[in-house]
Amino acid sequence: STRPYPYTEEPVDGLTIEDIDGDGRILTMRVPDPHGGYKQHPADPRLMVAREPGEFGGEYYRLIPEGFIKQHDGLTFKV
């Protein structure tokens, strides 16, 4: 992983971090968010890079660890 360790992300309320697809890895999910702190790398869209301060007008994402959301109604969750 290219993410810093220890991880700097704040935990998401109600998220149980676990391997959902059974591949033995807990990866990171991208959630589209106009206020998200990350964007795709221009040369390699598989990579995420931090959004610059004051940067507007692009596609941005929030990064959330793979897992389940407790008591999810199928529509919304607080991030």
C-alpha atoms as a PDB file:
ATOM      1  CA  SER A   1       0.000   0.000   0.000  1.00  0.00           C
ATOM      2  CA  THR A   2       1.114   3.554  -0.629  1.00  0.00           C
ATOM      3  CA  ARG A   3      -0.991   4.928   2.240  1.00  0.00           C
ATOM      4  CA  PRO A   4       0.891   6.199   5.291  1.00  0.00           C
ATOM      5  CA  TYR A   5       0.995   3.954   8.342  1.00  0.00           C
ATOM      6  CA  PRO A   6      -0.326   4.346  10.933  1.00  0.00           C
ATOM      7  CA  TYR A   7      -3.417   5.366   9.009  1.00  0.00           C
ATOM      8  CA  THR A   8      -4.512   8.970   9.385  1.00  0.00           C
ATOM      9  CA  GLU A   9      -8.192   8.517   8.476  1.00  0.00           C
ATOM     10  CA  GLU A  10     -10.854   9.091  11.087  1.00  0.00           C
ATOM     11  CA  PRO A  11     -12.952   5.977  11.815  1.00  0.00           C
ATOM     12  CA  VAL A  12     -16.443   5.970  10.298  1.00  0.00           C
ATOM     13  CA  ASP A  13     -19.263   5.606  12.849  1.00  0.00           C
ATOM     14  CA  GLY A  14     -20.968   2.238  12.525  1.00  0.00           C
ATOM     15  CA  LEU A  15     -18.438   0.784  10.057  1.00  0.00           C
ATOM     16  CA  THR A  16     -17.143  -2.681  10.893  1.00  0.00           C
ATOM     17  CA  ILE A  17     -13.851  -3.082   9.029  1.00  0.00           C
ATOM     18  CA  GLU A  18     -13.560  -6.560   7.502  1.00  0.00           C
ATOM     19  CA  ASP A  19     -12.761  -8.474   4.330  1.00  0.00           C
ATOM     20  CA  ILE A  20     -16.056  -8.420   2.395  1.00  0.00           C
ATOM     21  CA  ASP A  21     -15.090 -10.355  -0.725  1.00  0.00           C
ATOM     22  CA  GLY A  22     -12.983 -13.043   0.978  1.00  0.00           C
ATOM     23  CA  ASP A  23      -9.739 -12.264  -0.853  1.00  0.00           C
ATOM     24  CA  GLY A  24      -7.795 -12.034   2.411  1.00  0.00           C
ATOM     25  CA  ARG A  25      -7.271  -8.287   2.097  1.00  0.00           C
ATOM     26  CA  ILE A  26      -9.057  -5.262   3.526  1.00  0.00           C
ATOM     27  CA  LEU A  27      -8.866  -2.662   0.784  1.00  0.00           C
ATOM     28  CA  THR A  28     -10.122   0.905   0.465  1.00  0.00           C
ATOM     29  CA  MET A  29     -13.429   1.873  -1.144  1.00  0.00           C
ATOM     30  CA  ARG A  30     -13.841   5.130  -3.076  1.00  0.00           C
ATOM     31  CA  VAL A  31     -17.041   7.027  -2.375  1.00  0.00           C
ATOM     32  CA  PRO A  32     -17.772   9.989  -4.692  1.00  0.00           C
ATOM     33  CA  ASP A  33     -17.999  13.133  -2.564  1.00  0.00           C
ATOM     34  CA  PRO A  34     -17.718  16.734  -3.821  1.00  0.00           C
ATOM     35  CA  HIS A  35     -16.046  17.589  -0.490  1.00  0.00           C
ATOM     36  CA  GLY A  36     -13.773  14.519  -0.449  1.00  0.00           C
ATOM     37  CA  GLY A  37     -10.076  14.905   0.199  1.00  0.00           C
ATOM     38  CA  TYR A  38      -8.823  12.730  -2.683  1.00  0.00           C
ATOM     39  CA  LYS A  39      -8.871  12.642  -6.482  1.00  0.00           C
ATOM     40  CA  GLN A  40      -7.658  10.198  -9.118  1.00  0.00           C
ATOM     41  CA  HIS A  41      -4.032  10.478 -10.196  1.00  0.00           C
ATOM     42  CA  PRO A  42      -4.009  12.063 -13.686  1.00  0.00           C
ATOM     43  CA  ALA A  43      -1.626   9.455 -15.180  1.00  0.00           C
ATOM     44  CA  ASP A  44      -2.983   6.374 -13.382  1.00  0.00           C
ATOM     45  CA  PRO A  45      -6.650   6.440 -12.284  1.00  0.00           C
ATOM     46  CA  ARG A  46      -6.085   3.380 -10.059  1.00  0.00           C
ATOM     47  CA  LEU A  47      -4.151   5.642  -7.670  1.00  0.00           C
ATOM     48  CA  MET A  48      -5.614   8.302  -5.419  1.00  0.00           C
ATOM     49  CA  VAL A  49      -3.781  11.511  -4.529  1.00  0.00           C
ATOM     50  CA  ALA A  50      -4.630  14.201  -2.011  1.00  0.00           C
ATOM     51  CA  ARG A  51      -6.664  17.135  -3.223  1.00  0.00           C
ATOM     52  CA  GLU A  52      -4.839  20.468  -3.064  1.00  0.00           C
ATOM     53  CA  PRO A  53      -6.120  23.104  -0.603  1.00  0.00           C
ATOM     54  CA  GLY A  54      -8.506  25.419  -2.434  1.00  0.00           C
ATOM     55  CA  GLU A  55      -8.900  23.006  -5.372  1.00  0.00           C
ATOM     56  CA  PHE A  56     -12.427  22.992  -6.817  1.00  0.00           C
ATOM     57  CA  GLY A  57     -14.298  21.776  -9.883  1.00  0.00           C
ATOM     58  CA  GLY A  58     -13.196  18.169 -10.199  1.00  0.00           C
ATOM     59  CA  GLU A  59     -14.290  14.691  -9.207  1.00  0.00           C
ATOM     60  CA  TYR A  60     -13.364  14.065  -5.581  1.00  0.00           C
ATOM     61  CA  TYR A  61     -13.674  11.056  -3.316  1.00  0.00           C
ATOM     62  CA  ARG A  62     -13.786  10.023   0.305  1.00  0.00           C
ATOM     63  CA  LEU A  63     -11.780   6.888   1.094  1.00  0.00           C
ATOM     64  CA  ILE A  64     -13.356   4.330   3.417  1.00  0.00           C
ATOM     65  CA  PRO A  65     -11.923   0.963   4.479  1.00  0.00           C
ATOM     66  CA  GLU A  66     -13.685  -2.140   3.180  1.00  0.00           C
ATOM     67  CA  GLY A  67     -16.346  -3.316   5.611  1.00  0.00           C
ATOM     68  CA  PHE A  68     -19.997  -3.406   6.615  1.00  0.00           C
ATOM     69  CA  ILE A  69     -22.141  -0.588   7.947  1.00  0.00           C
ATOM     70  CA  LYS A  70     -24.165  -1.617  11.002  1.00  0.00           C
ATOM     71  CA  GLN A  71     -27.934  -1.146  10.740  1.00  0.00           C
ATOM     72  CA  HIS A  72     -27.687   0.127   7.144  1.00  0.00           C
ATOM     73  CA  ASP A  73     -31.045   1.019   5.591  1.00  0.00           C
ATOM     74  CA  GLY A  74     -29.779   0.432   2.046  1.00  0.00           C
ATOM     75  CA  LEU A  75     -29.887   4.098   1.113  1.00  0.00           C
ATOM     76  CA  THR A  76     -27.828   6.407   3.280  1.00  0.00           C
ATOM     77  CA  PHE A  77     -24.958   6.446   5.721  1.00  0.00           C
ATOM     78  CA  LYS A  78     -23.132   9.161   7.580  1.00  0.00           C
ATOM     79  CA  VAL A  79     -19.566   9.789   6.399  1.00  0.00           C
END
